[in-house]
Amino acid sequence: MTKSNLPEMNNVGIVVENLDNAVSFFTEIGLTLEGRMVIEGEWAGRVTGLGNQAVAVAMMVTPDGHSRLELSQFLTPKTVEDHRTSPVNALGYLRVMFRVDNLEELLGRLLKLGAVMVGEVVNYENLYRLCYIRGTEGLLIGLAERLDSQTTKAI
């Protein structure tokens, strides 16, 4: 494949109950609201297989501009399943990991907003300090602070 034929990831999507709360939470992490809209109609349901639907969507972008998080709140049809309390080893389970500059400071702010630690902050091979939290609506969020700024090893 030539470089122009390679796929480019556009975004990762998460369905939420309260779009405003989710936007506020991810703004606290450092993402910026790129735009908001309602996507509705039979055409949208043909893509998802849900039939006629209405979904409020907020697109969040990372500070580097390379990654996006699409937050969706289904207005119709209503959500039918809830995977937020599934353990991290459940098939298809979703978590989002963010590299952050000051883990302790951000973690303190997020805990004040109601986030809950899943385990503890750990040191991974003196390359990263990382942890999992349950953020807004119980979503699993990973936070990783790079300890060695010269490393290129990915989490």
N, C-alpha and C. Protein backbone atom coordinates (compact mmCIF):
# COMPACT_ATOMS: atom_id res chain seq x y z
N MET A 1 0.84 -1.19 0.00
CA MET A 1 0.00 0.00 0.00
C MET A 1 0.88 1.25 0.00
N THR A 2 0.51 2.19 -0.78
CA THR A 2 1.21 3.46 -0.73
C THR A 2 0.69 4.25 0.46
N LYS A 3 1.46 5.24 0.87
CA LYS A 3 1.05 6.03 2.02
C LYS A 3 -0.33 6.64 1.84
N SER A 4 -0.66 7.07 0.63
CA SER A 4 -1.96 7.70 0.40
C SER A 4 -3.11 6.70 0.51
N ASN A 5 -2.83 5.39 0.42
CA ASN A 5 -3.86 4.37 0.53
C ASN A 5 -4.05 3.86 1.95
N LEU A 6 -3.20 4.29 2.88
CA LEU A 6 -3.30 3.81 4.25
C LEU A 6 -4.52 4.42 4.92
N PRO A 7 -5.22 3.63 5.72
CA PRO A 7 -6.36 4.22 6.43
C PRO A 7 -5.90 5.20 7.50
N GLU A 8 -6.73 6.17 7.76
CA GLU A 8 -6.45 7.15 8.80
C GLU A 8 -7.58 7.08 9.82
N MET A 9 -7.23 6.88 11.09
CA MET A 9 -8.28 6.83 12.10
C MET A 9 -8.85 8.23 12.27
N ASN A 10 -10.18 8.33 12.18
CA ASN A 10 -10.83 9.62 12.30
C ASN A 10 -11.21 9.92 13.74
N ASN A 11 -11.85 8.93 14.42
CA ASN A 11 -12.24 9.16 15.80
C ASN A 11 -12.60 7.85 16.48
N VAL A 12 -12.74 7.91 17.79
CA VAL A 12 -13.27 6.82 18.59
C VAL A 12 -14.57 7.34 19.17
N GLY A 13 -15.61 6.52 19.12
CA GLY A 13 -16.92 6.96 19.60
C GLY A 13 -17.30 6.31 20.91
N ILE A 14 -17.96 7.08 21.77
CA ILE A 14 -18.48 6.59 23.03
C ILE A 14 -19.91 7.10 23.19
N VAL A 15 -20.82 6.19 23.50
CA VAL A 15 -22.21 6.57 23.76
C VAL A 15 -22.33 6.92 25.24
N VAL A 16 -22.95 8.06 25.52
CA VAL A 16 -23.09 8.55 26.89
C VAL A 16 -24.56 8.86 27.18
N GLU A 17 -24.89 8.94 28.46
CA GLU A 17 -26.25 9.33 28.87
C GLU A 17 -26.43 10.84 28.87
N ASN A 18 -25.39 11.58 29.31
CA ASN A 18 -25.49 13.02 29.44
C ASN A 18 -24.33 13.67 28.68
N LEU A 19 -24.65 14.22 27.53
CA LEU A 19 -23.62 14.79 26.66
C LEU A 19 -22.92 15.98 27.30
N ASP A 20 -23.65 16.84 27.98
CA ASP A 20 -23.04 18.01 28.62
C ASP A 20 -22.00 17.61 29.66
N ASN A 21 -22.35 16.63 30.51
CA ASN A 21 -21.40 16.16 31.53
C ASN A 21 -20.17 15.55 30.90
N ALA A 22 -20.35 14.77 29.84
CA ALA A 22 -19.22 14.13 29.18
C ALA A 22 -18.30 15.18 28.53
N VAL A 23 -18.88 16.18 27.89
CA VAL A 23 -18.07 17.26 27.29
C VAL A 23 -17.27 17.97 28.38
N SER A 24 -17.90 18.28 29.50
CA SER A 24 -17.19 18.95 30.60
C SER A 24 -16.04 18.10 31.13
N PHE A 25 -16.28 16.80 31.30
CA PHE A 25 -15.25 15.91 31.82
C PHE A 25 -14.04 15.85 30.88
N PHE A 26 -14.27 15.63 29.59
CA PHE A 26 -13.16 15.52 28.66
C PHE A 26 -12.49 16.87 28.41
N THR A 27 -13.21 17.97 28.60
CA THR A 27 -12.59 19.29 28.55
C THR A 27 -11.60 19.43 29.71
N GLU A 28 -11.95 18.92 30.88
CA GLU A 28 -11.06 18.96 32.04
C GLU A 28 -9.77 18.19 31.77
N ILE A 29 -9.86 17.11 31.01
CA ILE A 29 -8.67 16.33 30.66
C ILE A 29 -7.79 17.12 29.69
N GLY A 30 -8.39 18.01 28.89
CA GLY A 30 -7.60 18.83 27.98
C GLY A 30 -8.09 18.80 26.54
N LEU A 31 -9.15 18.06 26.25
CA LEU A 31 -9.70 18.05 24.91
C LEU A 31 -10.53 19.31 24.70
N THR A 32 -10.71 19.67 23.44
CA THR A 32 -11.47 20.86 23.08
C THR A 32 -12.71 20.44 22.29
N LEU A 33 -13.82 21.07 22.56
CA LEU A 33 -15.04 20.82 21.80
C LEU A 33 -14.86 21.39 20.41
N GLU A 34 -14.87 20.52 19.42
CA GLU A 34 -14.71 20.95 18.03
C GLU A 34 -16.05 21.33 17.41
N GLY A 35 -17.11 20.65 17.83
CA GLY A 35 -18.42 20.96 17.29
C GLY A 35 -19.48 20.06 17.89
N ARG A 36 -20.72 20.50 17.77
CA ARG A 36 -21.87 19.77 18.30
C ARG A 36 -22.99 19.85 17.29
N MET A 37 -23.75 18.75 17.18
CA MET A 37 -24.89 18.75 16.27
C MET A 37 -25.79 17.56 16.59
N VAL A 38 -26.98 17.59 16.03
CA VAL A 38 -27.88 16.44 16.10
C VAL A 38 -27.91 15.82 14.72
N ILE A 39 -27.68 14.53 14.69
CA ILE A 39 -27.73 13.77 13.44
C ILE A 39 -29.00 12.93 13.52
N GLU A 40 -29.88 13.12 12.55
CA GLU A 40 -31.14 12.40 12.64
C GLU A 40 -31.68 12.06 11.26
N GLY A 41 -32.59 11.13 11.28
CA GLY A 41 -33.27 10.76 10.05
C GLY A 41 -33.02 9.32 9.65
N GLU A 42 -33.82 8.91 8.69
CA GLU A 42 -33.77 7.54 8.20
C GLU A 42 -32.41 7.22 7.59
N TRP A 43 -31.79 8.19 6.92
CA TRP A 43 -30.50 7.95 6.28
C TRP A 43 -29.45 7.55 7.32
N ALA A 44 -29.48 8.21 8.50
CA ALA A 44 -28.50 7.90 9.55
C ALA A 44 -28.72 6.49 10.08
N GLY A 45 -29.97 6.10 10.21
CA GLY A 45 -30.30 4.77 10.67
C GLY A 45 -29.89 3.68 9.69
N ARG A 46 -29.80 4.02 8.42
CA ARG A 46 -29.33 3.04 7.43
C ARG A 46 -27.85 2.73 7.66
N VAL A 47 -27.10 3.70 8.14
CA VAL A 47 -25.67 3.48 8.42
C VAL A 47 -25.51 2.59 9.65
N THR A 48 -26.26 2.87 10.70
CA THR A 48 -26.11 2.16 11.97
C THR A 48 -26.95 0.90 12.07
N GLY A 49 -27.95 0.77 11.21
CA GLY A 49 -28.85 -0.37 11.28
C GLY A 49 -29.95 -0.20 12.30
N LEU A 50 -30.13 1.00 12.84
CA LEU A 50 -31.13 1.24 13.89
C LEU A 50 -32.44 1.81 13.37
N GLY A 51 -32.54 2.05 12.07
CA GLY A 51 -33.76 2.67 11.55
C GLY A 51 -33.73 4.17 11.80
N ASN A 52 -34.90 4.77 11.88
CA ASN A 52 -34.98 6.22 12.10
C ASN A 52 -34.37 6.56 13.47
N GLN A 53 -33.41 7.44 13.50
CA GLN A 53 -32.72 7.75 14.75
C GLN A 53 -32.42 9.23 14.85
N ALA A 54 -32.18 9.65 16.10
CA ALA A 54 -31.72 11.02 16.39
C ALA A 54 -30.64 10.90 17.45
N VAL A 55 -29.48 11.46 17.16
CA VAL A 55 -28.33 11.35 18.05
C VAL A 55 -27.69 12.72 18.20
N ALA A 56 -27.54 13.17 19.45
CA ALA A 56 -26.79 14.40 19.72
C ALA A 56 -25.32 14.01 19.79
N VAL A 57 -24.47 14.70 19.05
CA VAL A 57 -23.07 14.35 18.93
C VAL A 57 -22.21 15.55 19.28
N ALA A 58 -21.14 15.29 20.05
CA ALA A 58 -20.13 16.31 20.32
C ALA A 58 -18.79 15.72 19.92
N MET A 59 -18.05 16.43 19.08
CA MET A 59 -16.73 15.98 18.65
C MET A 59 -15.68 16.72 19.47
N MET A 60 -14.87 15.94 20.18
CA MET A 60 -13.80 16.50 21.01
C MET A 60 -12.48 16.22 20.31
N VAL A 61 -11.55 17.16 20.36
CA VAL A 61 -10.26 16.99 19.71
C VAL A 61 -9.14 17.16 20.73
N THR A 62 -8.09 16.35 20.57
CA THR A 62 -6.94 16.44 21.46
C THR A 62 -6.13 17.69 21.14
N PRO A 63 -5.33 18.17 22.09
CA PRO A 63 -4.56 19.40 21.86
C PRO A 63 -3.66 19.36 20.64
N ASP A 64 -3.14 18.17 20.28
CA ASP A 64 -2.27 18.10 19.10
C ASP A 64 -3.05 18.10 17.79
N GLY A 65 -4.39 17.98 17.88
CA GLY A 65 -5.23 18.02 16.69
C GLY A 65 -5.27 16.72 15.91
N HIS A 66 -4.62 15.68 16.38
CA HIS A 66 -4.53 14.42 15.63
C HIS A 66 -5.60 13.40 16.00
N SER A 67 -6.18 13.50 17.18
CA SER A 67 -7.14 12.49 17.64
C SER A 67 -8.45 13.14 18.04
N ARG A 68 -9.52 12.40 17.80
CA ARG A 68 -10.85 12.90 18.13
C ARG A 68 -11.63 11.84 18.90
N LEU A 69 -12.50 12.33 19.76
CA LEU A 69 -13.39 11.49 20.54
C LEU A 69 -14.81 11.96 20.22
N GLU A 70 -15.62 11.07 19.64
CA GLU A 70 -17.00 11.41 19.31
C GLU A 70 -17.90 10.93 20.44
N LEU A 71 -18.51 11.86 21.13
CA LEU A 71 -19.44 11.55 22.21
C LEU A 71 -20.85 11.61 21.65
N SER A 72 -21.62 10.55 21.85
CA SER A 72 -22.97 10.47 21.28
C SER A 72 -23.99 10.17 22.35
N GLN A 73 -25.08 10.93 22.33
CA GLN A 73 -26.21 10.68 23.21
C GLN A 73 -27.41 10.35 22.32
N PHE A 74 -27.87 9.09 22.37
CA PHE A 74 -29.01 8.70 21.55
C PHE A 74 -30.29 9.28 22.13
N LEU A 75 -31.00 10.02 21.29
CA LEU A 75 -32.30 10.57 21.67
C LEU A 75 -33.38 9.56 21.30
N THR A 76 -33.29 9.02 20.06
CA THR A 76 -34.13 7.91 19.61
C THR A 76 -33.32 7.06 18.65
N PRO A 77 -33.40 5.78 18.71
CA PRO A 77 -34.04 5.01 19.78
C PRO A 77 -33.20 5.09 21.05
N LYS A 78 -33.82 4.75 22.16
CA LYS A 78 -33.12 4.75 23.46
C LYS A 78 -32.05 3.66 23.47
N THR A 79 -31.04 3.85 24.30
CA THR A 79 -29.99 2.82 24.42
C THR A 79 -30.60 1.55 24.99
N VAL A 80 -30.03 0.40 24.60
CA VAL A 80 -30.61 -0.88 25.00
C VAL A 80 -29.69 -1.70 25.89
N GLU A 81 -28.41 -1.37 25.94
CA GLU A 81 -27.47 -2.10 26.79
C GLU A 81 -26.53 -1.12 27.45
N ASP A 82 -25.93 -1.56 28.56
CA ASP A 82 -25.01 -0.71 29.31
C ASP A 82 -23.78 -1.55 29.68
N HIS A 83 -22.65 -1.22 29.07
CA HIS A 83 -21.42 -1.98 29.29
C HIS A 83 -20.46 -1.28 30.26
N ARG A 84 -20.89 -0.18 30.86
CA ARG A 84 -19.98 0.62 31.66
C ARG A 84 -19.46 -0.08 32.90
N THR A 85 -20.16 -1.04 33.41
CA THR A 85 -19.69 -1.72 34.61
C THR A 85 -19.02 -3.06 34.29
N SER A 86 -18.85 -3.36 33.01
CA SER A 86 -18.17 -4.59 32.64
C SER A 86 -16.71 -4.51 33.08
N PRO A 87 -16.12 -5.64 33.46
CA PRO A 87 -14.71 -5.62 33.83
C PRO A 87 -13.83 -5.35 32.61
N VAL A 88 -12.62 -4.92 32.85
CA VAL A 88 -11.73 -4.51 31.76
C VAL A 88 -11.35 -5.67 30.84
N ASN A 89 -11.58 -6.91 31.25
CA ASN A 89 -11.25 -8.03 30.38
C ASN A 89 -12.47 -8.55 29.62
N ALA A 90 -13.58 -7.79 29.58
CA ALA A 90 -14.76 -8.18 28.82
C ALA A 90 -14.49 -7.95 27.34
N LEU A 91 -14.93 -8.90 26.50
CA LEU A 91 -14.73 -8.76 25.06
C LEU A 91 -15.38 -7.49 24.55
N GLY A 92 -14.65 -6.77 23.71
CA GLY A 92 -15.17 -5.55 23.12
C GLY A 92 -15.19 -4.35 24.05
N TYR A 93 -14.64 -4.52 25.24
CA TYR A 93 -14.68 -3.43 26.21
C TYR A 93 -13.85 -2.25 25.71
N LEU A 94 -14.31 -1.06 26.00
CA LEU A 94 -13.65 0.16 25.53
C LEU A 94 -13.03 0.93 26.68
N ARG A 95 -11.80 1.33 26.50
CA ARG A 95 -11.19 2.31 27.38
C ARG A 95 -10.40 3.24 26.50
N VAL A 96 -10.25 4.46 26.94
CA VAL A 96 -9.49 5.47 26.22
C VAL A 96 -8.30 5.83 27.09
N MET A 97 -7.10 5.87 26.50
CA MET A 97 -5.88 6.21 27.24
C MET A 97 -5.37 7.56 26.75
N PHE A 98 -5.04 8.43 27.70
CA PHE A 98 -4.48 9.73 27.37
C PHE A 98 -3.10 9.86 27.98
N ARG A 99 -2.14 10.37 27.19
CA ARG A 99 -0.84 10.74 27.75
C ARG A 99 -1.00 12.14 28.30
N VAL A 100 -0.60 12.32 29.55
CA VAL A 100 -0.76 13.60 30.23
C VAL A 100 0.58 14.08 30.74
N ASP A 101 0.68 15.37 31.02
CA ASP A 101 1.94 15.94 31.48
C ASP A 101 2.11 15.89 32.99
N ASN A 102 1.06 16.03 33.74
CA ASN A 102 1.16 16.06 35.20
C ASN A 102 0.04 15.19 35.78
N LEU A 103 0.33 13.90 35.90
CA LEU A 103 -0.68 12.93 36.31
C LEU A 103 -1.30 13.27 37.65
N GLU A 104 -0.50 13.57 38.65
CA GLU A 104 -1.03 13.83 40.00
C GLU A 104 -1.97 15.03 40.02
N GLU A 105 -1.60 16.09 39.34
CA GLU A 105 -2.41 17.31 39.33
C GLU A 105 -3.75 17.04 38.63
N LEU A 106 -3.70 16.41 37.46
CA LEU A 106 -4.92 16.11 36.72
C LEU A 106 -5.78 15.12 37.49
N LEU A 107 -5.17 14.10 38.05
CA LEU A 107 -5.91 13.11 38.82
C LEU A 107 -6.65 13.76 39.99
N GLY A 108 -6.00 14.67 40.67
CA GLY A 108 -6.65 15.40 41.77
C GLY A 108 -7.88 16.14 41.30
N ARG A 109 -7.79 16.82 40.16
CA ARG A 109 -8.93 17.57 39.62
C ARG A 109 -10.07 16.62 39.22
N LEU A 110 -9.72 15.51 38.58
CA LEU A 110 -10.75 14.58 38.13
C LEU A 110 -11.44 13.87 39.29
N LEU A 111 -10.67 13.54 40.34
CA LEU A 111 -11.28 12.91 41.52
C LEU A 111 -12.26 13.87 42.19
N LYS A 112 -11.94 15.17 42.19
CA LYS A 112 -12.87 16.16 42.76
C LYS A 112 -14.15 16.26 41.94
N LEU A 113 -14.08 15.90 40.65
CA LEU A 113 -15.26 15.92 39.79
C LEU A 113 -16.04 14.60 39.87
N GLY A 114 -15.59 13.68 40.72
CA GLY A 114 -16.33 12.44 40.90
C GLY A 114 -15.71 11.21 40.27
N ALA A 115 -14.56 11.35 39.60
CA ALA A 115 -13.88 10.18 39.06
C ALA A 115 -13.45 9.28 40.22
N VAL A 116 -13.33 7.99 39.94
CA VAL A 116 -12.95 7.02 40.95
C VAL A 116 -11.77 6.20 40.43
N MET A 117 -10.77 6.01 41.27
CA MET A 117 -9.62 5.18 40.90
C MET A 117 -10.08 3.73 40.74
N VAL A 118 -9.57 3.04 39.72
CA VAL A 118 -9.86 1.62 39.52
C VAL A 118 -8.89 0.79 40.34
N GLY A 119 -7.62 1.11 40.25
CA GLY A 119 -6.58 0.42 41.00
C GLY A 119 -5.73 1.46 41.68
N GLU A 120 -4.47 1.54 41.26
CA GLU A 120 -3.57 2.54 41.82
C GLU A 120 -2.66 3.07 40.73
N VAL A 121 -1.96 4.14 41.02
CA VAL A 121 -0.98 4.68 40.09
C VAL A 121 0.25 3.77 40.16
N VAL A 122 0.71 3.31 38.99
CA VAL A 122 1.86 2.41 38.95
C VAL A 122 2.95 2.98 38.06
N ASN A 123 4.17 2.49 38.26
CA ASN A 123 5.32 2.87 37.44
C ASN A 123 5.57 1.72 36.47
N TYR A 124 5.50 2.01 35.17
CA TYR A 124 5.75 1.01 34.15
C TYR A 124 7.16 1.18 33.61
N GLU A 125 8.07 0.31 34.06
CA GLU A 125 9.46 0.24 33.58
C GLU A 125 10.17 1.59 33.58
N ASN A 126 9.86 2.45 34.52
CA ASN A 126 10.45 3.78 34.62
C ASN A 126 10.25 4.60 33.34
N LEU A 127 9.24 4.23 32.55
CA LEU A 127 8.91 4.97 31.34
C LEU A 127 7.64 5.80 31.53
N TYR A 128 6.66 5.22 32.23
CA TYR A 128 5.38 5.88 32.44
C TYR A 128 4.90 5.66 33.87
N ARG A 129 4.17 6.63 34.40
CA ARG A 129 3.32 6.45 35.56
C ARG A 129 1.93 6.40 34.97
N LEU A 130 1.15 5.40 35.33
CA LEU A 130 -0.17 5.30 34.74
C LEU A 130 -1.19 4.74 35.70
N CYS A 131 -2.44 5.00 35.39
CA CYS A 131 -3.56 4.51 36.19
C CYS A 131 -4.82 4.47 35.34
N TYR A 132 -5.80 3.74 35.85
CA TYR A 132 -7.14 3.74 35.27
C TYR A 132 -8.07 4.41 36.26
N ILE A 133 -9.01 5.18 35.72
CA ILE A 133 -10.07 5.76 36.54
C ILE A 133 -11.40 5.44 35.88
N ARG A 134 -12.45 5.50 36.67
CA ARG A 134 -13.81 5.50 36.12
C ARG A 134 -14.20 6.97 36.14
N GLY A 135 -14.35 7.54 34.94
CA GLY A 135 -14.66 8.95 34.83
C GLY A 135 -16.15 9.18 34.75
N THR A 136 -16.54 10.21 34.04
CA THR A 136 -17.95 10.54 33.89
C THR A 136 -18.73 9.31 33.44
N GLU A 137 -19.85 9.07 34.06
CA GLU A 137 -20.74 7.96 33.73
C GLU A 137 -20.08 6.59 33.88
N GLY A 138 -18.98 6.52 34.62
CA GLY A 138 -18.32 5.24 34.83
C GLY A 138 -17.43 4.78 33.69
N LEU A 139 -17.17 5.67 32.72
CA LEU A 139 -16.31 5.31 31.59
C LEU A 139 -14.89 5.04 32.07
N LEU A 140 -14.27 3.99 31.52
CA LEU A 140 -12.91 3.65 31.88
C LEU A 140 -11.94 4.52 31.10
N ILE A 141 -11.11 5.27 31.82
CA ILE A 141 -10.15 6.20 31.23
C ILE A 141 -8.77 5.85 31.76
N GLY A 142 -7.79 5.73 30.86
CA GLY A 142 -6.41 5.53 31.26
C GLY A 142 -5.67 6.85 31.19
N LEU A 143 -4.80 7.09 32.16
CA LEU A 143 -3.96 8.29 32.19
C LEU A 143 -2.52 7.83 32.31
N ALA A 144 -1.65 8.35 31.45
CA ALA A 144 -0.25 7.95 31.46
C ALA A 144 0.64 9.18 31.35
N GLU A 145 1.56 9.29 32.30
CA GLU A 145 2.54 10.39 32.29
C GLU A 145 3.89 9.81 31.91
N ARG A 146 4.47 10.31 30.84
CA ARG A 146 5.77 9.84 30.38
C ARG A 146 6.84 10.32 31.34
N LEU A 147 7.68 9.40 31.83
CA LEU A 147 8.74 9.77 32.76
C LEU A 147 10.03 10.13 32.02
N ASP A 148 10.30 9.45 30.92
CA ASP A 148 11.50 9.69 30.14
C ASP A 148 11.07 10.35 28.83
N SER A 149 11.28 11.64 28.69
CA SER A 149 10.80 12.37 27.52
C SER A 149 11.47 11.93 26.23
N GLN A 150 12.55 11.14 26.30
CA GLN A 150 13.24 10.69 25.09
C GLN A 150 12.68 9.39 24.54
N THR A 151 11.85 8.71 25.31
CA THR A 151 11.37 7.40 24.87
C THR A 151 10.29 7.52 23.81
N THR A 152 10.23 6.54 22.93
CA THR A 152 9.17 6.48 21.94
C THR A 152 8.32 5.24 22.13
N LYS A 153 8.58 4.49 23.19
CA LYS A 153 7.82 3.27 23.46
C LYS A 153 6.38 3.65 23.82
N ALA A 154 5.44 3.05 23.11
CA ALA A 154 4.02 3.39 23.30
C ALA A 154 3.40 2.49 24.36
N ILE A 155 2.38 3.03 25.00
CA ILE A 155 1.58 2.24 25.96
C ILE A 155 0.66 1.36 25.15
